Amino acid sequence: MIRMQRLAWLLLLTTAAAPALAQDTGNCPRLPPESGLTWQHKAIGNDADLCRALRADGSEAFGLYIARDTPFEPKGGDRAEEGVLDGRPIRWYRSELAGRPNVQARETLVELPDGRKAHIWVQAPTGDALRESLGLAQSMQLGAAHLSQN
C-alpha cells in the first residue's frame, strides 16, 4: 500500500509539474539518438531532478527521479525481470498503480557514480509495450560522463 502511495505521489508530481518542465535535458542521462525519445526535465530544489523520456507523440516511455534519497525501496517479493543498464545488472520490481489495475508497472533503483540514486519507473498497457519500454529505459547511459551538469 505504501509503495502504491509513493508511486501515486510521483505520478501526481509528474502530472502537476508537466506545464513547468523545461526543454533542456538538465541532469537527465543521455539517450541514444536512435531511441526517438526526448527528455522533459524539472529540477526539484537544488539536489533532485525529475526526468520523463517522451515519445514523439508525447507519451511517457519511462521516467526517473534522481536524488540523494528516493522514496522507492525495492521489496524482494516484488522481483520481476532482470536487465542490464549502462553495463550493470539491474532488477526490475513489480508495482501497482492505484485505480489503474490494467497498467503494468515496473520500478528499479540504481546507484549513480556520484552517490545519488536514480529511481526509474515504467508503465505500460500490455506486456509487449512493457518489454519495449523496459528496453528503452535500459538504453540510457547513467555513467557520470553521460549526465549533463547545469
N, C-alpha and C. Protein backbone atom coordinates (compact mmCIF):
# COMPACT_ATOMS: atom_id res chain seq x y z
N MET A 1 0.82 -1.19 0.00
CA MET A 1 0.00 0.00 0.00
C MET A 1 0.87 1.26 0.00
N ILE A 2 1.92 1.26 0.82
CA ILE A 2 2.81 2.42 0.88
C ILE A 2 3.50 2.62 -0.46
N ARG A 3 3.90 1.52 -1.12
CA ARG A 3 4.55 1.63 -2.43
C ARG A 3 3.61 2.26 -3.44
N MET A 4 2.33 1.87 -3.39
CA MET A 4 1.36 2.46 -4.32
C MET A 4 1.21 3.94 -4.05
N GLN A 5 1.22 4.33 -2.77
CA GLN A 5 1.10 5.75 -2.43
C GLN A 5 2.32 6.52 -2.94
N ARG A 6 3.50 5.92 -2.80
CA ARG A 6 4.71 6.60 -3.27
C ARG A 6 4.69 6.77 -4.79
N LEU A 7 4.30 5.71 -5.49
CA LEU A 7 4.23 5.81 -6.95
C LEU A 7 3.15 6.79 -7.36
N ALA A 8 2.02 6.79 -6.65
CA ALA A 8 0.96 7.76 -6.95
C ALA A 8 1.47 9.18 -6.73
N TRP A 9 2.30 9.38 -5.69
CA TRP A 9 2.87 10.70 -5.43
C TRP A 9 3.77 11.12 -6.59
N LEU A 10 4.60 10.21 -7.06
CA LEU A 10 5.48 10.54 -8.19
C LEU A 10 4.67 10.84 -9.44
N LEU A 11 3.60 10.08 -9.67
CA LEU A 11 2.75 10.35 -10.83
C LEU A 11 2.09 11.71 -10.71
N LEU A 12 1.62 12.04 -9.51
CA LEU A 12 1.00 13.34 -9.29
C LEU A 12 2.02 14.45 -9.52
N LEU A 13 3.21 14.27 -9.00
CA LEU A 13 4.28 15.25 -9.19
C LEU A 13 4.58 15.42 -10.67
N THR A 14 4.66 14.32 -11.39
CA THR A 14 4.93 14.37 -12.82
C THR A 14 3.83 15.11 -13.55
N THR A 15 2.58 14.80 -13.24
CA THR A 15 1.45 15.44 -13.91
C THR A 15 1.37 16.92 -13.56
N ALA A 16 1.53 17.23 -12.28
CA ALA A 16 1.43 18.62 -11.84
C ALA A 16 2.57 19.47 -12.38
N ALA A 17 3.73 18.86 -12.54
CA ALA A 17 4.90 19.61 -12.99
C ALA A 17 4.98 19.74 -14.50
N ALA A 18 4.19 19.00 -15.23
CA ALA A 18 4.31 18.96 -16.69
C ALA A 18 4.34 20.33 -17.35
N PRO A 19 3.45 21.26 -17.00
CA PRO A 19 3.50 22.55 -17.69
C PRO A 19 4.78 23.33 -17.43
N ALA A 20 5.42 23.08 -16.30
CA ALA A 20 6.61 23.85 -15.95
C ALA A 20 7.90 23.18 -16.39
N LEU A 21 7.81 22.02 -16.99
CA LEU A 21 9.02 21.31 -17.37
C LEU A 21 9.77 22.04 -18.48
N ALA A 22 11.08 22.12 -18.30
CA ALA A 22 11.90 22.82 -19.28
C ALA A 22 12.25 21.90 -20.43
N GLN A 23 12.68 22.46 -21.54
CA GLN A 23 13.05 21.67 -22.70
C GLN A 23 14.50 21.20 -22.65
N ASP A 24 15.34 21.80 -21.77
CA ASP A 24 16.72 21.34 -21.69
C ASP A 24 16.75 19.98 -20.99
N THR A 25 17.87 19.27 -21.13
CA THR A 25 17.97 17.94 -20.54
C THR A 25 18.41 17.97 -19.10
N GLY A 26 18.81 19.13 -18.58
CA GLY A 26 19.19 19.22 -17.18
C GLY A 26 20.20 18.15 -16.82
N ASN A 27 19.94 17.46 -15.73
CA ASN A 27 20.82 16.39 -15.27
C ASN A 27 20.31 15.01 -15.68
N CYS A 28 19.51 14.96 -16.73
CA CYS A 28 18.98 13.68 -17.20
C CYS A 28 20.07 12.90 -17.94
N PRO A 29 20.03 11.56 -17.86
CA PRO A 29 21.02 10.75 -18.57
C PRO A 29 20.92 10.90 -20.08
N ARG A 30 21.95 10.48 -20.76
CA ARG A 30 21.97 10.53 -22.22
C ARG A 30 21.10 9.41 -22.78
N LEU A 31 20.32 9.75 -23.79
CA LEU A 31 19.51 8.77 -24.51
C LEU A 31 20.15 8.51 -25.87
N PRO A 32 20.13 7.28 -26.34
CA PRO A 32 20.65 7.02 -27.68
C PRO A 32 19.80 7.77 -28.71
N PRO A 33 20.42 8.42 -29.68
CA PRO A 33 19.66 9.17 -30.68
C PRO A 33 18.63 8.31 -31.41
N GLU A 34 18.95 7.04 -31.65
CA GLU A 34 18.04 6.17 -32.39
C GLU A 34 16.80 5.79 -31.57
N SER A 35 16.76 6.13 -30.27
CA SER A 35 15.60 5.80 -29.45
C SER A 35 14.37 6.62 -29.85
N GLY A 36 14.60 7.80 -30.44
CA GLY A 36 13.48 8.67 -30.80
C GLY A 36 12.87 9.37 -29.61
N LEU A 37 13.49 9.26 -28.43
CA LEU A 37 12.95 9.87 -27.21
C LEU A 37 13.59 11.22 -26.95
N THR A 38 12.86 12.06 -26.25
CA THR A 38 13.40 13.33 -25.78
C THR A 38 13.09 13.45 -24.29
N TRP A 39 13.91 14.22 -23.60
CA TRP A 39 13.70 14.42 -22.17
C TRP A 39 12.80 15.61 -21.90
N GLN A 40 12.00 15.46 -20.89
CA GLN A 40 11.29 16.57 -20.26
C GLN A 40 11.88 16.62 -18.85
N HIS A 41 12.47 17.73 -18.46
CA HIS A 41 13.23 17.82 -17.22
C HIS A 41 12.66 18.88 -16.29
N LYS A 42 12.70 18.58 -15.00
CA LYS A 42 12.36 19.58 -13.99
C LYS A 42 13.31 19.40 -12.82
N ALA A 43 14.01 20.48 -12.48
CA ALA A 43 14.85 20.47 -11.28
C ALA A 43 13.92 20.61 -10.08
N ILE A 44 14.16 19.81 -9.07
CA ILE A 44 13.37 19.87 -7.85
C ILE A 44 14.31 20.27 -6.73
N GLY A 45 14.19 21.52 -6.30
CA GLY A 45 15.14 22.04 -5.32
C GLY A 45 16.51 22.13 -5.95
N ASN A 46 17.52 22.06 -5.10
CA ASN A 46 18.90 22.17 -5.59
C ASN A 46 19.57 20.83 -5.84
N ASP A 47 18.91 19.74 -5.42
CA ASP A 47 19.62 18.47 -5.47
C ASP A 47 18.83 17.29 -6.02
N ALA A 48 17.75 17.55 -6.74
CA ALA A 48 16.97 16.45 -7.31
C ALA A 48 16.48 16.83 -8.71
N ASP A 49 16.29 15.82 -9.53
CA ASP A 49 15.83 16.03 -10.91
C ASP A 49 14.75 15.01 -11.23
N LEU A 50 13.72 15.49 -11.92
CA LEU A 50 12.66 14.64 -12.44
C LEU A 50 12.81 14.63 -13.95
N CYS A 51 12.96 13.45 -14.52
CA CYS A 51 13.16 13.31 -15.96
C CYS A 51 12.10 12.37 -16.53
N ARG A 52 11.47 12.79 -17.60
CA ARG A 52 10.48 11.95 -18.29
C ARG A 52 10.95 11.76 -19.72
N ALA A 53 11.13 10.51 -20.14
CA ALA A 53 11.51 10.20 -21.52
C ALA A 53 10.24 10.11 -22.34
N LEU A 54 10.09 11.05 -23.28
CA LEU A 54 8.86 11.14 -24.06
C LEU A 54 9.06 10.66 -25.49
N ARG A 55 8.03 9.97 -25.98
CA ARG A 55 8.00 9.56 -27.39
C ARG A 55 7.58 10.77 -28.23
N ALA A 56 7.66 10.63 -29.53
CA ALA A 56 7.29 11.73 -30.44
C ALA A 56 5.84 12.15 -30.26
N ASP A 57 4.96 11.20 -29.85
CA ASP A 57 3.55 11.54 -29.66
C ASP A 57 3.26 12.16 -28.30
N GLY A 58 4.30 12.35 -27.47
CA GLY A 58 4.15 12.98 -26.17
C GLY A 58 3.90 12.00 -25.02
N SER A 59 3.73 10.72 -25.32
CA SER A 59 3.50 9.74 -24.26
C SER A 59 4.83 9.42 -23.56
N GLU A 60 4.72 9.04 -22.29
CA GLU A 60 5.91 8.74 -21.50
C GLU A 60 6.35 7.30 -21.72
N ALA A 61 7.60 7.11 -22.14
CA ALA A 61 8.17 5.77 -22.27
C ALA A 61 8.60 5.27 -20.90
N PHE A 62 9.21 6.16 -20.12
CA PHE A 62 9.62 5.86 -18.75
C PHE A 62 10.00 7.17 -18.08
N GLY A 63 10.20 7.10 -16.78
CA GLY A 63 10.60 8.29 -16.04
C GLY A 63 11.63 7.93 -14.99
N LEU A 64 12.31 8.95 -14.49
CA LEU A 64 13.22 8.71 -13.40
C LEU A 64 13.34 9.93 -12.51
N TYR A 65 13.62 9.66 -11.26
CA TYR A 65 13.82 10.67 -10.24
C TYR A 65 15.23 10.47 -9.72
N ILE A 66 16.07 11.49 -9.83
CA ILE A 66 17.47 11.40 -9.42
C ILE A 66 17.67 12.29 -8.21
N ALA A 67 18.15 11.70 -7.11
CA ALA A 67 18.37 12.45 -5.87
C ALA A 67 19.29 11.65 -4.95
N ARG A 68 19.69 12.28 -3.86
CA ARG A 68 20.49 11.56 -2.85
C ARG A 68 19.67 10.44 -2.23
N ASP A 69 18.39 10.70 -1.99
CA ASP A 69 17.48 9.71 -1.42
C ASP A 69 16.21 9.69 -2.25
N THR A 70 15.59 8.54 -2.36
CA THR A 70 14.32 8.42 -3.07
C THR A 70 13.34 7.66 -2.19
N PRO A 71 12.05 7.84 -2.42
CA PRO A 71 11.06 7.12 -1.60
C PRO A 71 10.93 5.65 -1.96
N PHE A 72 11.44 5.23 -3.11
CA PHE A 72 11.29 3.84 -3.53
C PHE A 72 12.26 2.93 -2.80
N GLU A 73 11.73 1.85 -2.22
CA GLU A 73 12.52 0.83 -1.56
C GLU A 73 12.15 -0.52 -2.16
N PRO A 74 13.04 -1.15 -2.93
CA PRO A 74 12.72 -2.44 -3.54
C PRO A 74 12.38 -3.49 -2.49
N LYS A 75 11.37 -4.30 -2.79
CA LYS A 75 10.95 -5.40 -1.92
C LYS A 75 11.19 -6.72 -2.66
N GLY A 76 11.87 -7.64 -2.03
CA GLY A 76 12.22 -8.91 -2.66
C GLY A 76 11.05 -9.67 -3.24
N GLY A 77 9.89 -9.59 -2.59
CA GLY A 77 8.71 -10.30 -3.07
C GLY A 77 8.15 -9.76 -4.36
N ASP A 78 8.56 -8.57 -4.75
CA ASP A 78 8.07 -7.94 -5.97
C ASP A 78 9.04 -8.08 -7.14
N ARG A 79 10.06 -8.90 -6.98
CA ARG A 79 11.06 -9.07 -8.05
C ARG A 79 10.40 -9.53 -9.34
N ALA A 80 10.87 -8.96 -10.43
CA ALA A 80 10.35 -9.31 -11.75
C ALA A 80 11.54 -9.56 -12.67
N GLU A 81 11.62 -8.83 -13.77
CA GLU A 81 12.65 -9.04 -14.78
C GLU A 81 14.04 -8.61 -14.30
N GLU A 82 15.05 -9.28 -14.86
CA GLU A 82 16.43 -8.83 -14.71
C GLU A 82 16.78 -8.06 -15.97
N GLY A 83 17.74 -7.17 -15.86
CA GLY A 83 18.15 -6.41 -17.02
C GLY A 83 19.57 -5.91 -16.86
N VAL A 84 20.01 -5.14 -17.84
CA VAL A 84 21.33 -4.52 -17.81
C VAL A 84 21.14 -3.06 -18.17
N LEU A 85 21.71 -2.19 -17.36
CA LEU A 85 21.61 -0.75 -17.58
C LEU A 85 23.00 -0.15 -17.50
N ASP A 86 23.46 0.42 -18.59
CA ASP A 86 24.78 1.05 -18.64
C ASP A 86 25.88 0.06 -18.23
N GLY A 87 25.72 -1.20 -18.67
CA GLY A 87 26.72 -2.23 -18.40
C GLY A 87 26.61 -2.88 -17.03
N ARG A 88 25.63 -2.49 -16.23
CA ARG A 88 25.48 -3.05 -14.89
C ARG A 88 24.19 -3.85 -14.79
N PRO A 89 24.22 -4.99 -14.09
CA PRO A 89 22.98 -5.76 -13.92
C PRO A 89 22.01 -5.02 -13.01
N ILE A 90 20.73 -5.09 -13.35
CA ILE A 90 19.69 -4.48 -12.52
C ILE A 90 18.55 -5.47 -12.36
N ARG A 91 17.69 -5.18 -11.42
CA ARG A 91 16.48 -5.97 -11.19
C ARG A 91 15.29 -5.02 -11.21
N TRP A 92 14.28 -5.38 -12.01
CA TRP A 92 13.03 -4.63 -12.04
C TRP A 92 12.08 -5.24 -11.02
N TYR A 93 11.24 -4.40 -10.42
CA TYR A 93 10.28 -4.83 -9.42
C TYR A 93 8.87 -4.47 -9.88
N ARG A 94 7.95 -5.42 -9.67
CA ARG A 94 6.54 -5.16 -9.99
C ARG A 94 6.00 -4.06 -9.10
N SER A 95 5.11 -3.28 -9.65
CA SER A 95 4.46 -2.22 -8.90
C SER A 95 3.00 -2.16 -9.34
N GLU A 96 2.17 -1.57 -8.52
CA GLU A 96 0.76 -1.40 -8.85
C GLU A 96 0.41 0.07 -8.79
N LEU A 97 -0.52 0.46 -9.63
CA LEU A 97 -0.99 1.84 -9.63
C LEU A 97 -2.42 1.85 -9.11
N ALA A 98 -2.66 2.61 -8.07
CA ALA A 98 -4.00 2.71 -7.51
C ALA A 98 -4.97 3.21 -8.57
N GLY A 99 -6.09 2.53 -8.71
CA GLY A 99 -7.11 2.95 -9.66
C GLY A 99 -6.81 2.59 -11.11
N ARG A 100 -5.69 1.92 -11.37
CA ARG A 100 -5.33 1.55 -12.74
C ARG A 100 -4.85 0.10 -12.76
N PRO A 101 -5.74 -0.85 -12.48
CA PRO A 101 -5.33 -2.25 -12.37
C PRO A 101 -4.84 -2.88 -13.67
N ASN A 102 -5.18 -2.31 -14.82
CA ASN A 102 -4.77 -2.89 -16.11
C ASN A 102 -3.41 -2.39 -16.59
N VAL A 103 -2.81 -1.48 -15.85
CA VAL A 103 -1.50 -0.96 -16.23
C VAL A 103 -0.42 -1.82 -15.59
N GLN A 104 0.53 -2.25 -16.40
CA GLN A 104 1.68 -3.00 -15.89
C GLN A 104 2.78 -1.99 -15.56
N ALA A 105 3.33 -2.10 -14.37
CA ALA A 105 4.33 -1.13 -13.93
C ALA A 105 5.54 -1.85 -13.34
N ARG A 106 6.70 -1.28 -13.59
CA ARG A 106 7.96 -1.78 -13.04
C ARG A 106 8.76 -0.60 -12.52
N GLU A 107 9.60 -0.88 -11.52
CA GLU A 107 10.47 0.13 -10.93
C GLU A 107 11.82 -0.51 -10.64
N THR A 108 12.84 0.32 -10.59
CA THR A 108 14.15 -0.14 -10.15
C THR A 108 14.87 1.03 -9.50
N LEU A 109 15.91 0.72 -8.79
CA LEU A 109 16.72 1.74 -8.12
C LEU A 109 18.17 1.47 -8.48
N VAL A 110 18.85 2.51 -8.96
CA VAL A 110 20.24 2.37 -9.41
C VAL A 110 21.09 3.42 -8.70
N GLU A 111 22.21 3.00 -8.14
CA GLU A 111 23.13 3.95 -7.54
C GLU A 111 24.03 4.52 -8.63
N LEU A 112 24.16 5.83 -8.65
CA LEU A 112 24.97 6.51 -9.65
C LEU A 112 26.40 6.70 -9.15
N PRO A 113 27.35 6.91 -10.05
CA PRO A 113 28.76 7.06 -9.66
C PRO A 113 29.00 8.19 -8.65
N ASP A 114 28.15 9.23 -8.67
CA ASP A 114 28.36 10.35 -7.75
C ASP A 114 27.65 10.17 -6.40
N GLY A 115 27.08 8.98 -6.16
CA GLY A 115 26.43 8.71 -4.88
C GLY A 115 24.94 8.95 -4.87
N ARG A 116 24.43 9.64 -5.88
CA ARG A 116 22.98 9.83 -5.95
C ARG A 116 22.33 8.53 -6.40
N LYS A 117 21.00 8.49 -6.32
CA LYS A 117 20.25 7.32 -6.75
C LYS A 117 19.28 7.72 -7.84
N ALA A 118 19.03 6.80 -8.75
CA ALA A 118 18.03 7.00 -9.80
C ALA A 118 16.91 5.99 -9.59
N HIS A 119 15.73 6.50 -9.29
CA HIS A 119 14.52 5.66 -9.20
C HIS A 119 13.89 5.73 -10.58
N ILE A 120 13.84 4.59 -11.26
CA ILE A 120 13.33 4.53 -12.63
C ILE A 120 12.03 3.76 -12.63
N TRP A 121 11.02 4.28 -13.35
CA TRP A 121 9.75 3.58 -13.45
C TRP A 121 9.29 3.49 -14.89
N VAL A 122 8.54 2.42 -15.16
CA VAL A 122 7.98 2.16 -16.48
C VAL A 122 6.53 1.75 -16.27
N GLN A 123 5.63 2.27 -17.11
CA GLN A 123 4.22 1.89 -17.07
C GLN A 123 3.77 1.59 -18.49
N ALA A 124 2.99 0.53 -18.65
CA ALA A 124 2.56 0.15 -19.99
C ALA A 124 1.22 -0.58 -19.93
N PRO A 125 0.42 -0.48 -21.00
CA PRO A 125 -0.88 -1.13 -21.02
C PRO A 125 -0.83 -2.62 -21.34
N THR A 126 0.25 -3.09 -21.95
CA THR A 126 0.35 -4.51 -22.35
C THR A 126 1.75 -5.03 -22.04
N GLY A 127 1.88 -6.34 -22.07
CA GLY A 127 3.19 -6.96 -21.87
C GLY A 127 4.18 -6.57 -22.95
N ASP A 128 3.73 -6.51 -24.20
CA ASP A 128 4.62 -6.11 -25.30
C ASP A 128 5.10 -4.68 -25.11
N ALA A 129 4.18 -3.79 -24.76
CA ALA A 129 4.55 -2.38 -24.54
C ALA A 129 5.49 -2.26 -23.35
N LEU A 130 5.28 -3.08 -22.33
CA LEU A 130 6.16 -3.06 -21.16
C LEU A 130 7.58 -3.48 -21.57
N ARG A 131 7.70 -4.56 -22.32
CA ARG A 131 9.03 -5.01 -22.77
C ARG A 131 9.72 -3.93 -23.61
N GLU A 132 8.97 -3.28 -24.47
CA GLU A 132 9.55 -2.21 -25.29
C GLU A 132 10.06 -1.07 -24.42
N SER A 133 9.24 -0.65 -23.46
CA SER A 133 9.64 0.47 -22.59
C SER A 133 10.80 0.09 -21.68
N LEU A 134 10.83 -1.15 -21.20
CA LEU A 134 11.98 -1.59 -20.40
C LEU A 134 13.25 -1.53 -21.24
N GLY A 135 13.17 -1.97 -22.48
CA GLY A 135 14.32 -1.90 -23.38
C GLY A 135 14.79 -0.47 -23.60
N LEU A 136 13.84 0.45 -23.77
CA LEU A 136 14.20 1.85 -23.94
C LEU A 136 14.86 2.40 -22.67
N ALA A 137 14.30 2.08 -21.52
CA ALA A 137 14.88 2.56 -20.25
C ALA A 137 16.29 2.02 -20.07
N GLN A 138 16.51 0.78 -20.45
CA GLN A 138 17.82 0.17 -20.29
C GLN A 138 18.83 0.67 -21.32
N SER A 139 18.38 1.47 -22.28
CA SER A 139 19.30 2.02 -23.27
C SER A 139 19.94 3.33 -22.80
N MET A 140 19.51 3.84 -21.64
CA MET A 140 20.10 5.07 -21.10
C MET A 140 21.56 4.85 -20.72
N GLN A 141 22.30 5.93 -20.68
CA GLN A 141 23.68 5.89 -20.22
C GLN A 141 23.74 6.71 -18.93
N LEU A 142 23.97 6.02 -17.81
CA LEU A 142 23.94 6.67 -16.50
C LEU A 142 25.30 7.07 -15.95
N GLY A 143 26.38 6.67 -16.58
CA GLY A 143 27.71 6.99 -16.06
C GLY A 143 27.89 8.48 -15.88
N ALA A 144 28.78 8.87 -14.97
CA ALA A 144 28.98 10.29 -14.64
C ALA A 144 29.27 11.13 -15.88
N ALA A 145 29.99 10.58 -16.83
CA ALA A 145 30.32 11.34 -18.04
C ALA A 145 29.09 11.55 -18.93
N HIS A 146 28.03 10.78 -18.69
CA HIS A 146 26.84 10.86 -19.53
C HIS A 146 25.73 11.69 -18.91
N LEU A 147 25.92 12.17 -17.68
CA LEU A 147 24.92 13.02 -17.04
C LEU A 147 25.34 14.46 -17.26
N SER A 148 24.46 15.23 -17.86
CA SER A 148 24.80 16.63 -18.08
C SER A 148 24.70 17.37 -16.75
N GLN A 149 25.52 18.37 -16.58
CA GLN A 149 25.52 19.14 -15.34
C GLN A 149 25.19 20.59 -15.65
N ASN A 150 24.24 21.16 -14.91
CA ASN A 150 23.86 22.57 -15.11
C ASN A 150 24.82 23.47 -14.39
